[in-house]
Amino acid sequence: MTVEQIASRLVELCRQEKFDVAQKELYADDAVSIEPYATPDFEIETKGREALTEKDKKFSAMVEARYGTEVSEPLIAGNVIAFVLTMDLKMIGRDRMKMSELCVYHVKDGKIISEEFFM
């Protein structure tokens, strides 16, 4: 897949909240995920698609309700894809909130090799 095709498919799946499908279809086996900071629940860096799948499951288990997800159109520069993702959700034990982040993905050999989030 080209970077443009990956960007289009990634945005489509994220808009449908199918983050797990995106990881299975578009990510390299050794992909890396980088968070802006560590929390008691998540490390700054997660390596490997299996670990990313577990991270996604852990985050989903913390969500009490989802009210929608918005994804901007992607920006593409060379092998880098970026977009803004905004989730309207309620985490367990917390008030409803909108969480917005800049998502940046690096592509190599037709697969996403890294994702990094900025809040």
PDB file of N, CA and C in Angstrom:
ATOM      1  N   MET A   1       0.835  -1.190   0.000  1.00  0.00           N
ATOM      2  CA  MET A   1       0.000   0.000   0.000  1.00  0.00           C
ATOM      3  C   MET A   1       0.876   1.249   0.000  1.00  0.00           C
ATOM      4  N   THR A   2       0.384   2.286  -0.625  1.00  0.00           N
ATOM      5  CA  THR A   2       1.093   3.561  -0.597  1.00  0.00           C
ATOM      6  C   THR A   2       0.786   4.276   0.722  1.00  0.00           C
ATOM      7  N   VAL A   3       1.557   5.293   1.007  1.00  0.00           N
ATOM      8  CA  VAL A   3       1.317   6.087   2.213  1.00  0.00           C
ATOM      9  C   VAL A   3      -0.080   6.706   2.150  1.00  0.00           C
ATOM     10  N   GLU A   4      -0.472   7.174   0.982  1.00  0.00           N
ATOM     11  CA  GLU A   4      -1.797   7.782   0.813  1.00  0.00           C
ATOM     12  C   GLU A   4      -2.906   6.758   1.081  1.00  0.00           C
ATOM     13  N   GLN A   5      -2.747   5.536   0.581  1.00  0.00           N
ATOM     14  CA  GLN A   5      -3.741   4.480   0.817  1.00  0.00           C
ATOM     15  C   GLN A   5      -3.819   4.113   2.297  1.00  0.00           C
ATOM     16  N   ILE A   6      -2.668   4.031   2.939  1.00  0.00           N
ATOM     17  CA  ILE A   6      -2.630   3.727   4.373  1.00  0.00           C
ATOM     18  C   ILE A   6      -3.329   4.840   5.147  1.00  0.00           C
ATOM     19  N   ALA A   7      -3.040   6.095   4.796  1.00  0.00           N
ATOM     20  CA  ALA A   7      -3.669   7.233   5.484  1.00  0.00           C
ATOM     21  C   ALA A   7      -5.180   7.177   5.347  1.00  0.00           C
ATOM     22  N   SER A   8      -5.655   6.930   4.151  1.00  0.00           N
ATOM     23  CA  SER A   8      -7.092   6.875   3.903  1.00  0.00           C
ATOM     24  C   SER A   8      -7.755   5.755   4.702  1.00  0.00           C
ATOM     25  N   ARG A   9      -7.154   4.587   4.690  1.00  0.00           N
ATOM     26  CA  ARG A   9      -7.719   3.443   5.415  1.00  0.00           C
ATOM     27  C   ARG A   9      -7.642   3.675   6.924  1.00  0.00           C
ATOM     28  N   LEU A  10      -6.539   4.223   7.406  1.00  0.00           N
ATOM     29  CA  LEU A  10      -6.374   4.485   8.833  1.00  0.00           C
ATOM     30  C   LEU A  10      -7.441   5.464   9.328  1.00  0.00           C
ATOM     31  N   VAL A  11      -7.650   6.542   8.598  1.00  0.00           N
ATOM     32  CA  VAL A  11      -8.667   7.525   8.969  1.00  0.00           C
ATOM     33  C   VAL A  11     -10.048   6.881   8.968  1.00  0.00           C
ATOM     34  N   GLU A  12     -10.339   6.101   7.942  1.00  0.00           N
ATOM     35  CA  GLU A  12     -11.634   5.414   7.849  1.00  0.00           C
ATOM     36  C   GLU A  12     -11.876   4.532   9.078  1.00  0.00           C
ATOM     37  N   LEU A  13     -10.888   3.723   9.438  1.00  0.00           N
ATOM     38  CA  LEU A  13     -11.042   2.815  10.576  1.00  0.00           C
ATOM     39  C   LEU A  13     -11.112   3.559  11.902  1.00  0.00           C
ATOM     40  N   CYS A  14     -10.323   4.611  12.062  1.00  0.00           N
ATOM     41  CA  CYS A  14     -10.369   5.390  13.303  1.00  0.00           C
ATOM     42  C   CYS A  14     -11.715   6.086  13.463  1.00  0.00           C
ATOM     43  N   ARG A  15     -12.278   6.580  12.368  1.00  0.00           N
ATOM     44  CA  ARG A  15     -13.604   7.208  12.431  1.00  0.00           C
ATOM     45  C   ARG A  15     -14.672   6.215  12.874  1.00  0.00           C
ATOM     46  N   GLN A  16     -14.460   4.948  12.573  1.00  0.00           N
ATOM     47  CA  GLN A  16     -15.393   3.890  12.968  1.00  0.00           C
ATOM     48  C   GLN A  16     -15.026   3.285  14.334  1.00  0.00           C
ATOM     49  N   GLU A  17     -13.985   3.834  14.969  1.00  0.00           N
ATOM     50  CA  GLU A  17     -13.467   3.343  16.254  1.00  0.00           C
ATOM     51  C   GLU A  17     -13.001   1.886  16.168  1.00  0.00           C
ATOM     52  N   LYS A  18     -12.483   1.507  15.015  1.00  0.00           N
ATOM     53  CA  LYS A  18     -11.958   0.158  14.789  1.00  0.00           C
ATOM     54  C   LYS A  18     -10.428   0.191  14.858  1.00  0.00           C
ATOM     55  N   PHE A  19      -9.942   0.613  16.006  1.00  0.00           N
ATOM     56  CA  PHE A  19      -8.502   0.764  16.201  1.00  0.00           C
ATOM     57  C   PHE A  19      -7.783  -0.588  16.125  1.00  0.00           C
ATOM     58  N   ASP A  20      -8.431  -1.630  16.628  1.00  0.00           N
ATOM     59  CA  ASP A  20      -7.842  -2.970  16.584  1.00  0.00           C
ATOM     60  C   ASP A  20      -7.705  -3.474  15.150  1.00  0.00           C
ATOM     61  N   VAL A  21      -8.680  -3.194  14.312  1.00  0.00           N
ATOM     62  CA  VAL A  21      -8.617  -3.599  12.902  1.00  0.00           C
ATOM     63  C   VAL A  21      -7.485  -2.852  12.200  1.00  0.00           C
ATOM     64  N   ALA A  22      -7.346  -1.567  12.510  1.00  0.00           N
ATOM     65  CA  ALA A  22      -6.259  -0.770  11.924  1.00  0.00           C
ATOM     66  C   ALA A  22      -4.906  -1.386  12.270  1.00  0.00           C
ATOM     67  N   GLN A  23      -4.736  -1.787  13.520  1.00  0.00           N
ATOM     68  CA  GLN A  23      -3.465  -2.387  13.928  1.00  0.00           C
ATOM     69  C   GLN A  23      -3.203  -3.689  13.175  1.00  0.00           C
ATOM     70  N   LYS A  24      -4.215  -4.526  13.040  1.00  0.00           N
ATOM     71  CA  LYS A  24      -4.047  -5.806  12.346  1.00  0.00           C
ATOM     72  C   LYS A  24      -3.736  -5.622  10.870  1.00  0.00           C
ATOM     73  N   GLU A  25      -4.410  -4.682  10.241  1.00  0.00           N
ATOM     74  CA  GLU A  25      -4.264  -4.483   8.795  1.00  0.00           C
ATOM     75  C   GLU A  25      -3.046  -3.661   8.398  1.00  0.00           C
ATOM     76  N   LEU A  26      -2.751  -2.633   9.166  1.00  0.00           N
ATOM     77  CA  LEU A  26      -1.830  -1.598   8.692  1.00  0.00           C
ATOM     78  C   LEU A  26      -0.485  -1.538   9.390  1.00  0.00           C
ATOM     79  N   TYR A  27      -0.358  -2.179  10.552  1.00  0.00           N
ATOM     80  CA  TYR A  27       0.863  -2.041  11.346  1.00  0.00           C
ATOM     81  C   TYR A  27       1.858  -3.168  11.084  1.00  0.00           C
ATOM     82  N   ALA A  28       3.142  -2.812  11.155  1.00  0.00           N
ATOM     83  CA  ALA A  28       4.214  -3.804  11.106  1.00  0.00           C
ATOM     84  C   ALA A  28       4.224  -4.587  12.418  1.00  0.00           C
ATOM     85  N   ASP A  29       4.727  -5.799  12.369  1.00  0.00           N
ATOM     86  CA  ASP A  29       4.780  -6.638  13.576  1.00  0.00           C
ATOM     87  C   ASP A  29       5.583  -5.989  14.697  1.00  0.00           C
ATOM     88  N   ASP A  30       6.608  -5.214  14.333  1.00  0.00           N
ATOM     89  CA  ASP A  30       7.478  -4.605  15.340  1.00  0.00           C
ATOM     90  C   ASP A  30       7.188  -3.109  15.540  1.00  0.00           C
ATOM     91  N   ALA A  31       5.960  -2.692  15.229  1.00  0.00           N
ATOM     92  CA  ALA A  31       5.576  -1.276  15.373  1.00  0.00           C
ATOM     93  C   ALA A  31       5.745  -0.803  16.817  1.00  0.00           C
ATOM     94  N   VAL A  32       5.967   0.502  16.948  1.00  0.00           N
ATOM     95  CA  VAL A  32       6.185   1.130  18.250  1.00  0.00           C
ATOM     96  C   VAL A  32       5.129   2.209  18.455  1.00  0.00           C
ATOM     97  N   SER A  33       4.627   2.328  19.692  1.00  0.00           N
ATOM     98  CA  SER A  33       3.683   3.373  20.066  1.00  0.00           C
ATOM     99  C   SER A  33       4.321   4.228  21.146  1.00  0.00           C
ATOM    100  N   ILE A  34       4.246   5.550  20.980  1.00  0.00           N
ATOM    101  CA  ILE A  34       4.862   6.477  21.929  1.00  0.00           C
ATOM    102  C   ILE A  34       3.799   7.433  22.461  1.00  0.00           C
ATOM    103  N   GLU A  35       3.632   7.431  23.763  1.00  0.00           N
ATOM    104  CA  GLU A  35       2.692   8.322  24.454  1.00  0.00           C
ATOM    105  C   GLU A  35       3.440   9.567  24.914  1.00  0.00           C
ATOM    106  N   PRO A  36       2.722  10.690  25.156  1.00  0.00           N
ATOM    107  CA  PRO A  36       3.408  11.914  25.577  1.00  0.00           C
ATOM    108  C   PRO A  36       4.023  11.819  26.971  1.00  0.00           C
ATOM    109  N   TYR A  37       3.472  10.949  27.819  1.00  0.00           N
ATOM    110  CA  TYR A  37       4.005  10.780  29.164  1.00  0.00           C
ATOM    111  C   TYR A  37       3.510   9.443  29.716  1.00  0.00           C
ATOM    112  N   ALA A  38       4.230   8.925  30.681  1.00  0.00           N
ATOM    113  CA  ALA A  38       3.839   7.667  31.318  1.00  0.00           C
ATOM    114  C   ALA A  38       2.744   7.935  32.341  1.00  0.00           C
ATOM    115  N   THR A  39       1.891   6.963  32.533  1.00  0.00           N
ATOM    116  CA  THR A  39       0.858   7.009  33.569  1.00  0.00           C
ATOM    117  C   THR A  39       0.931   5.695  34.331  1.00  0.00           C
ATOM    118  N   PRO A  40       0.198   5.567  35.432  1.00  0.00           N
ATOM    119  CA  PRO A  40       0.194   4.283  36.133  1.00  0.00           C
ATOM    120  C   PRO A  40      -0.306   3.126  35.247  1.00  0.00           C
ATOM    121  N   ASP A  41      -1.104   3.466  34.219  1.00  0.00           N
ATOM    122  CA  ASP A  41      -1.669   2.428  33.361  1.00  0.00           C
ATOM    123  C   ASP A  41      -0.873   2.176  32.079  1.00  0.00           C
ATOM    124  N   PHE A  42      -0.087   3.160  31.628  1.00  0.00           N
ATOM    125  CA  PHE A  42       0.597   3.032  30.341  1.00  0.00           C
ATOM    126  C   PHE A  42       2.024   3.550  30.404  1.00  0.00           C
ATOM    127  N   GLU A  43       2.916   2.810  29.763  1.00  0.00           N
ATOM    128  CA  GLU A  43       4.306   3.231  29.615  1.00  0.00           C
ATOM    129  C   GLU A  43       4.386   4.283  28.511  1.00  0.00           C
ATOM    130  N   ILE A  44       5.492   4.992  28.449  1.00  0.00           N
ATOM    131  CA  ILE A  44       5.694   5.946  27.364  1.00  0.00           C
ATOM    132  C   ILE A  44       5.814   5.203  26.038  1.00  0.00           C
ATOM    133  N   GLU A  45       6.539   4.099  26.020  1.00  0.00           N
ATOM    134  CA  GLU A  45       6.781   3.377  24.774  1.00  0.00           C
ATOM    135  C   GLU A  45       6.298   1.930  24.877  1.00  0.00           C
ATOM    136  N   THR A  46       5.576   1.511  23.846  1.00  0.00           N
ATOM    137  CA  THR A  46       5.101   0.134  23.742  1.00  0.00           C
ATOM    138  C   THR A  46       5.617  -0.416  22.421  1.00  0.00           C
ATOM    139  N   LYS A  47       6.233  -1.598  22.456  1.00  0.00           N
ATOM    140  CA  LYS A  47       6.842  -2.177  21.254  1.00  0.00           C
ATOM    141  C   LYS A  47       6.162  -3.475  20.864  1.00  0.00           C
ATOM    142  N   GLY A  48       5.915  -3.617  19.562  1.00  0.00           N
ATOM    143  CA  GLY A  48       5.356  -4.840  19.009  1.00  0.00           C
ATOM    144  C   GLY A  48       3.851  -4.788  18.879  1.00  0.00           C
ATOM    145  N   ARG A  49       3.347  -5.316  17.757  1.00  0.00           N
ATOM    146  CA  ARG A  49       1.914  -5.245  17.486  1.00  0.00           C
ATOM    147  C   ARG A  49       1.091  -5.966  18.543  1.00  0.00           C
ATOM    148  N   GLU A  50       1.569  -7.085  19.064  1.00  0.00           N
ATOM    149  CA  GLU A  50       0.827  -7.786  20.118  1.00  0.00           C
ATOM    150  C   GLU A  50       0.692  -6.907  21.366  1.00  0.00           C
ATOM    151  N   ALA A  51       1.758  -6.236  21.737  1.00  0.00           N
ATOM    152  CA  ALA A  51       1.718  -5.343  22.905  1.00  0.00           C
ATOM    153  C   ALA A  51       0.795  -4.147  22.631  1.00  0.00           C
ATOM    154  N   LEU A  52       0.770  -3.668  21.386  1.00  0.00           N
ATOM    155  CA  LEU A  52      -0.123  -2.561  21.037  1.00  0.00           C
ATOM    156  C   LEU A  52      -1.583  -3.005  21.129  1.00  0.00           C
ATOM    157  N   THR A  53      -1.850  -4.231  20.731  1.00  0.00           N
ATOM    158  CA  THR A  53      -3.212  -4.775  20.840  1.00  0.00           C
ATOM    159  C   THR A  53      -3.632  -4.844  22.299  1.00  0.00           C
ATOM    160  N   GLU A  54      -2.746  -5.282  23.168  1.00  0.00           N
ATOM    161  CA  GLU A  54      -3.049  -5.344  24.605  1.00  0.00           C
ATOM    162  C   GLU A  54      -3.265  -3.944  25.180  1.00  0.00           C
ATOM    163  N   LYS A  55      -2.467  -2.991  24.729  1.00  0.00           N
ATOM    164  CA  LYS A  55      -2.618  -1.599  25.176  1.00  0.00           C
ATOM    165  C   LYS A  55      -3.999  -1.069  24.785  1.00  0.00           C
ATOM    166  N   ASP A  56      -4.432  -1.351  23.559  1.00  0.00           N
ATOM    167  CA  ASP A  56      -5.753  -0.917  23.094  1.00  0.00           C
ATOM    168  C   ASP A  56      -6.864  -1.561  23.915  1.00  0.00           C
ATOM    169  N   LYS A  57      -6.725  -2.840  24.213  1.00  0.00           N
ATOM    170  CA  LYS A  57      -7.725  -3.538  25.039  1.00  0.00           C
ATOM    171  C   LYS A  57      -7.787  -2.930  26.435  1.00  0.00           C
ATOM    172  N   LYS A  58      -6.632  -2.613  26.993  1.00  0.00           N
ATOM    173  CA  LYS A  58      -6.565  -2.022  28.338  1.00  0.00           C
ATOM    174  C   LYS A  58      -7.249  -0.652  28.362  1.00  0.00           C
ATOM    175  N   PHE A  59      -6.989   0.165  27.323  1.00  0.00           N
ATOM    176  CA  PHE A  59      -7.635   1.476  27.251  1.00  0.00           C
ATOM    177  C   PHE A  59      -9.150   1.300  27.118  1.00  0.00           C
ATOM    178  N   SER A  60      -9.584   0.421  26.227  1.00  0.00           N
ATOM    179  CA  SER A  60     -11.024   0.201  26.017  1.00  0.00           C
ATOM    180  C   SER A  60     -11.712  -0.265  27.293  1.00  0.00           C
ATOM    181  N   ALA A  61     -11.027  -1.054  28.101  1.00  0.00           N
ATOM    182  CA  ALA A  61     -11.602  -1.543  29.357  1.00  0.00           C
ATOM    183  C   ALA A  61     -11.803  -0.406  30.360  1.00  0.00           C
ATOM    184  N   MET A  62     -11.092   0.701  30.183  1.00  0.00           N
ATOM    185  CA  MET A  62     -11.209   1.847  31.076  1.00  0.00           C
ATOM    186  C   MET A  62     -12.336   2.795  30.656  1.00  0.00           C
ATOM    187  N   VAL A  63     -12.905   2.558  29.470  1.00  0.00           N
ATOM    188  CA  VAL A  63     -13.941   3.434  28.928  1.00  0.00           C
ATOM    189  C   VAL A  63     -15.316   2.901  29.325  1.00  0.00           C
ATOM    190  N   GLU A  64     -16.091   3.757  29.973  1.00  0.00           N
ATOM    191  CA  GLU A  64     -17.454   3.390  30.366  1.00  0.00           C
ATOM    192  C   GLU A  64     -18.431   3.596  29.222  1.00  0.00           C
ATOM    193  N   ALA A  65     -18.267   4.717  28.477  1.00  0.00           N
ATOM    194  CA  ALA A  65     -19.172   5.014  27.361  1.00  0.00           C
ATOM    195  C   ALA A  65     -18.439   5.847  26.317  1.00  0.00           C
ATOM    196  N   ARG A  66     -18.771   5.596  25.047  1.00  0.00           N
ATOM    197  CA  ARG A  66     -18.240   6.376  23.923  1.00  0.00           C
ATOM    198  C   ARG A  66     -19.397   7.122  23.285  1.00  0.00           C
ATOM    199  N   TYR A  67     -19.172   8.401  22.999  1.00  0.00           N
ATOM    200  CA  TYR A  67     -20.213   9.243  22.410  1.00  0.00           C
ATOM    201  C   TYR A  67     -19.844   9.705  21.010  1.00  0.00           C
ATOM    202  N   GLY A  68     -18.725   9.248  20.503  1.00  0.00           N
ATOM    203  CA  GLY A  68     -18.327   9.594  19.146  1.00  0.00           C
ATOM    204  C   GLY A  68     -16.852   9.911  19.041  1.00  0.00           C
ATOM    205  N   THR A  69     -16.347   9.746  17.842  1.00  0.00           N
ATOM    206  CA  THR A  69     -14.945  10.014  17.541  1.00  0.00           C
ATOM    207  C   THR A  69     -14.879  10.810  16.252  1.00  0.00           C
ATOM    208  N   GLU A  70     -14.101  11.877  16.270  1.00  0.00           N
ATOM    209  CA  GLU A  70     -13.886  12.694  15.082  1.00  0.00           C
ATOM    210  C   GLU A  70     -12.423  12.590  14.682  1.00  0.00           C
ATOM    211  N   VAL A  71     -12.189  12.486  13.383  1.00  0.00           N
ATOM    212  CA  VAL A  71     -10.830  12.421  12.857  1.00  0.00           C
ATOM    213  C   VAL A  71     -10.727  13.422  11.713  1.00  0.00           C
ATOM    214  N   SER A  72      -9.739  14.289  11.791  1.00  0.00           N
ATOM    215  CA  SER A  72      -9.541  15.272  10.726  1.00  0.00           C
ATOM    216  C   SER A  72      -9.053  14.567   9.463  1.00  0.00           C
ATOM    217  N   GLU A  73      -9.038  15.301   8.372  1.00  0.00           N
ATOM    218  CA  GLU A  73      -8.430  14.767   7.158  1.00  0.00           C
ATOM    219  C   GLU A  73      -6.925  14.620   7.421  1.00  0.00           C
ATOM    220  N   PRO A  74      -6.306  13.598   6.846  1.00  0.00           N
ATOM    221  CA  PRO A  74      -4.880  13.389   7.117  1.00  0.00           C
ATOM    222  C   PRO A  74      -3.990  14.374   6.359  1.00  0.00           C
ATOM    223  N   LEU A  75      -2.871  14.689   6.976  1.00  0.00           N
ATOM    224  CA  LEU A  75      -1.792  15.418   6.321  1.00  0.00           C
ATOM    225  C   LEU A  75      -0.700  14.393   6.035  1.00  0.00           C
ATOM    226  N   ILE A  76      -0.112  14.466   4.865  1.00  0.00           N
ATOM    227  CA  ILE A  76       0.922  13.512   4.480  1.00  0.00           C
ATOM    228  C   ILE A  76       2.147  14.288   4.026  1.00  0.00           C
ATOM    229  N   ALA A  77       3.296  13.910   4.571  1.00  0.00           N
ATOM    230  CA  ALA A  77       4.569  14.488   4.157  1.00  0.00           C
ATOM    231  C   ALA A  77       5.565  13.342   4.050  1.00  0.00           C
ATOM    232  N   GLY A  78       5.907  12.969   2.842  1.00  0.00           N
ATOM    233  CA  GLY A  78       6.813  11.838   2.648  1.00  0.00           C
ATOM    234  C   GLY A  78       6.199  10.561   3.180  1.00  0.00           C
ATOM    235  N   ASN A  79       6.843   9.975   4.186  1.00  0.00           N
ATOM    236  CA  ASN A  79       6.344   8.729   4.776  1.00  0.00           C
ATOM    237  C   ASN A  79       5.664   8.956   6.128  1.00  0.00           C
ATOM    238  N   VAL A  80       5.202  10.189   6.370  1.00  0.00           N
ATOM    239  CA  VAL A  80       4.579  10.529   7.648  1.00  0.00           C
ATOM    240  C   VAL A  80       3.131  10.948   7.424  1.00  0.00           C
ATOM    241  N   ILE A  81       2.252  10.431   8.281  1.00  0.00           N
ATOM    242  CA  ILE A  81       0.828  10.751   8.273  1.00  0.00           C
ATOM    243  C   ILE A  81       0.508  11.407   9.608  1.00  0.00           C
ATOM    244  N   ALA A  82      -0.311  12.452   9.580  1.00  0.00           N
ATOM    245  CA  ALA A  82      -0.740  13.093  10.827  1.00  0.00           C
ATOM    246  C   ALA A  82      -2.203  13.486  10.717  1.00  0.00           C
ATOM    247  N   PHE A  83      -2.914  13.396  11.827  1.00  0.00           N
ATOM    248  CA  PHE A  83      -4.280  13.895  11.904  1.00  0.00           C
ATOM    249  C   PHE A  83      -4.637  14.152  13.355  1.00  0.00           C
ATOM    250  N   VAL A  84      -5.718  14.926  13.557  1.00  0.00           N
ATOM    251  CA  VAL A  84      -6.224  15.180  14.904  1.00  0.00           C
ATOM    252  C   VAL A  84      -7.362  14.207  15.161  1.00  0.00           C
ATOM    253  N   LEU A  85      -7.281  13.537  16.298  1.00  0.00           N
ATOM    254  CA  LEU A  85      -8.318  12.597  16.729  1.00  0.00           C
ATOM    255  C   LEU A  85      -8.943  13.150  18.001  1.00  0.00           C
ATOM    256  N   THR A  86     -10.271  13.269  17.997  1.00  0.00           N
ATOM    257  CA  THR A  86     -10.986  13.752  19.173  1.00  0.00           C
ATOM    258  C   THR A  86     -12.020  12.714  19.559  1.00  0.00           C
ATOM    259  N   MET A  87     -11.915  12.217  20.782  1.00  0.00           N
ATOM    260  CA  MET A  87     -12.859  11.228  21.294  1.00  0.00           C
ATOM    261  C   MET A  87     -13.711  11.856  22.385  1.00  0.00           C
ATOM    262  N   ASP A  88     -15.012  11.674  22.273  1.00  0.00           N
ATOM    263  CA  ASP A  88     -15.969  12.108  23.288  1.00  0.00           C
ATOM    264  C   ASP A  88     -16.324  10.845  24.062  1.00  0.00           C
ATOM    265  N   LEU A  89     -15.867  10.791  25.319  1.00  0.00           N
ATOM    266  CA  LEU A  89     -16.060   9.555  26.072  1.00  0.00           C
ATOM    267  C   LEU A  89     -16.162   9.799  27.563  1.00  0.00           C
ATOM    268  N   LYS A  90     -16.553   8.760  28.243  1.00  0.00           N
ATOM    269  CA  LYS A  90     -16.605   8.769  29.705  1.00  0.00           C
ATOM    270  C   LYS A  90     -15.763   7.618  30.194  1.00  0.00           C
ATOM    271  N   MET A  91     -14.711   7.961  30.916  1.00  0.00           N
ATOM    272  CA  MET A  91     -13.858   6.941  31.518  1.00  0.00           C
ATOM    273  C   MET A  91     -14.520   6.483  32.816  1.00  0.00           C
ATOM    274  N   ILE A  92     -14.291   5.264  33.188  1.00  0.00           N
ATOM    275  CA  ILE A  92     -14.872   4.719  34.416  1.00  0.00           C
ATOM    276  C   ILE A  92     -14.443   5.583  35.602  1.00  0.00           C
ATOM    277  N   GLY A  93     -15.420   6.038  36.383  1.00  0.00           N
ATOM    278  CA  GLY A  93     -15.149   6.839  37.575  1.00  0.00           C
ATOM    279  C   GLY A  93     -14.844   8.293  37.306  1.00  0.00           C
ATOM    280  N   ARG A  94     -15.003   8.752  36.079  1.00  0.00           N
ATOM    281  CA  ARG A  94     -14.717  10.142  35.731  1.00  0.00           C
ATOM    282  C   ARG A  94     -15.904  10.756  35.002  1.00  0.00           C
ATOM    283  N   ASP A  95     -15.867  12.078  34.854  1.00  0.00           N
ATOM    284  CA  ASP A  95     -16.891  12.780  34.092  1.00  0.00           C
ATOM    285  C   ASP A  95     -16.661  12.579  32.595  1.00  0.00           C
ATOM    286  N   ARG A  96     -17.712  12.782  31.830  1.00  0.00           N
ATOM    287  CA  ARG A  96     -17.605  12.754  30.374  1.00  0.00           C
ATOM    288  C   ARG A  96     -16.616  13.830  29.936  1.00  0.00           C
ATOM    289  N   MET A  97     -15.811  13.535  28.899  1.00  0.00           N
ATOM    290  CA  MET A  97     -14.811  14.490  28.438  1.00  0.00           C
ATOM    291  C   MET A  97     -14.549  14.312  26.950  1.00  0.00           C
ATOM    292  N   LYS A  98     -13.974  15.342  26.364  1.00  0.00           N
ATOM    293  CA  LYS A  98     -13.477  15.257  24.995  1.00  0.00           C
ATOM    294  C   LYS A  98     -11.963  15.249  25.073  1.00  0.00           C
ATOM    295  N   MET A  99     -11.382  14.212  24.518  1.00  0.00           N
ATOM    296  CA  MET A  99      -9.935  14.057  24.532  1.00  0.00           C
ATOM    297  C   MET A  99      -9.434  14.254  23.097  1.00  0.00           C
ATOM    298  N   SER A 100      -8.560  15.223  22.908  1.00  0.00           N
ATOM    299  CA  SER A 100      -8.063  15.536  21.575  1.00  0.00           C
ATOM    300  C   SER A 100      -6.556  15.348  21.541  1.00  0.00           C
ATOM    301  N   GLU A 101      -6.072  14.743  20.455  1.00  0.00           N
ATOM    302  CA  GLU A 101      -4.639  14.522  20.328  1.00  0.00           C
ATOM    303  C   GLU A 101      -4.219  14.561  18.864  1.00  0.00           C
ATOM    304  N   LEU A 102      -2.977  14.962  18.657  1.00  0.00           N
ATOM    305  CA  LEU A 102      -2.378  14.900  17.336  1.00  0.00           C
ATOM    306  C   LEU A 102      -1.735  13.525  17.219  1.00  0.00           C
ATOM    307  N   CYS A 103      -2.113  12.793  16.193  1.00  0.00           N
ATOM    308  CA  CYS A 103      -1.597  11.441  15.982  1.00  0.00           C
ATOM    309  C   CYS A 103      -0.647  11.481  14.785  1.00  0.00           C
ATOM    310  N   VAL A 104       0.565  10.985  14.978  1.00  0.00           N
ATOM    311  CA  VAL A 104       1.580  11.004  13.926  1.00  0.00           C
ATOM    312  C   VAL A 104       2.065   9.570  13.694  1.00  0.00           C
ATOM    313  N   TYR A 105       2.057   9.160  12.427  1.00  0.00           N
ATOM    314  CA  TYR A 105       2.414   7.786  12.056  1.00  0.00           C
ATOM    315  C   TYR A 105       3.532   7.808  11.030  1.00  0.00           C
ATOM    316  N   HIS A 106       4.508   6.920  11.211  1.00  0.00           N
ATOM    317  CA  HIS A 106       5.585   6.752  10.244  1.00  0.00           C
ATOM    318  C   HIS A 106       5.348   5.443   9.498  1.00  0.00           C
ATOM    319  N   VAL A 107       5.519   5.478   8.182  1.00  0.00           N
ATOM    320  CA  VAL A 107       5.282   4.323   7.324  1.00  0.00           C
ATOM    321  C   VAL A 107       6.591   3.906   6.670  1.00  0.00           C
ATOM    322  N   LYS A 108       6.797   2.584   6.600  1.00  0.00           N
ATOM    323  CA  LYS A 108       7.966   2.037   5.905  1.00  0.00           C
ATOM    324  C   LYS A 108       7.548   0.712   5.276  1.00  0.00           C
ATOM    325  N   ASP A 109       7.895   0.532   4.033  1.00  0.00           N
ATOM    326  CA  ASP A 109       7.599  -0.711   3.314  1.00  0.00           C
ATOM    327  C   ASP A 109       6.123  -1.088   3.386  1.00  0.00           C
ATOM    328  N   GLY A 110       5.235  -0.100   3.276  1.00  0.00           N
ATOM    329  CA  GLY A 110       3.807  -0.352   3.211  1.00  0.00           C
ATOM    330  C   GLY A 110       3.122  -0.668   4.527  1.00  0.00           C
ATOM    331  N   LYS A 111       3.807  -0.422   5.643  1.00  0.00           N
ATOM    332  CA  LYS A 111       3.224  -0.672   6.971  1.00  0.00           C
ATOM    333  C   LYS A 111       3.557   0.476   7.912  1.00  0.00           C
ATOM    334  N   ILE A 112       2.685   0.685   8.887  1.00  0.00           N
ATOM    335  CA  ILE A 112       2.962   1.673   9.932  1.00  0.00           C
ATOM    336  C   ILE A 112       3.988   1.078  10.877  1.00  0.00           C
ATOM    337  N   ILE A 113       5.101   1.795  11.064  1.00  0.00           N
ATOM    338  CA  ILE A 113       6.154   1.298  11.947  1.00  0.00           C
ATOM    339  C   ILE A 113       6.163   2.013  13.295  1.00  0.00           C
ATOM    340  N   SER A 114       5.518   3.194  13.347  1.00  0.00           N
ATOM    341  CA  SER A 114       5.417   3.879  14.641  1.00  0.00           C
ATOM    342  C   SER A 114       4.232   4.815  14.652  1.00  0.00           C
ATOM    343  N   GLU A 115       3.717   5.011  15.862  1.00  0.00           N
ATOM    344  CA  GLU A 115       2.661   5.985  16.121  1.00  0.00           C
ATOM    345  C   GLU A 115       3.109   6.786  17.334  1.00  0.00           C
ATOM    346  N   GLU A 116       2.811   8.089  17.307  1.00  0.00           N
ATOM    347  CA  GLU A 116       3.135   8.941  18.445  1.00  0.00           C
ATOM    348  C   GLU A 116       2.004   9.921  18.640  1.00  0.00           C
ATOM    349  N   PHE A 117       1.648  10.150  19.912  1.00  0.00           N
ATOM    350  CA  PHE A 117       0.508  10.985  20.249  1.00  0.00           C
ATOM    351  C   PHE A 117       0.953  12.215  21.027  1.00  0.00           C
ATOM    352  N   PHE A 118       0.382  13.369  20.653  1.00  0.00           N
ATOM    353  CA  PHE A 118       0.678  14.642  21.301  1.00  0.00           C
ATOM    354  C   PHE A 118      -0.620  15.246  21.784  1.00  0.00           C
ATOM    355  N   MET A 119      -0.655  15.649  23.067  1.00  0.00           N
ATOM    356  CA  MET A 119      -1.867  16.237  23.647  1.00  0.00           C
ATOM    357  C   MET A 119      -1.589  17.648  24.094  1.00  0.00           C
TER     358      MET A 119
END
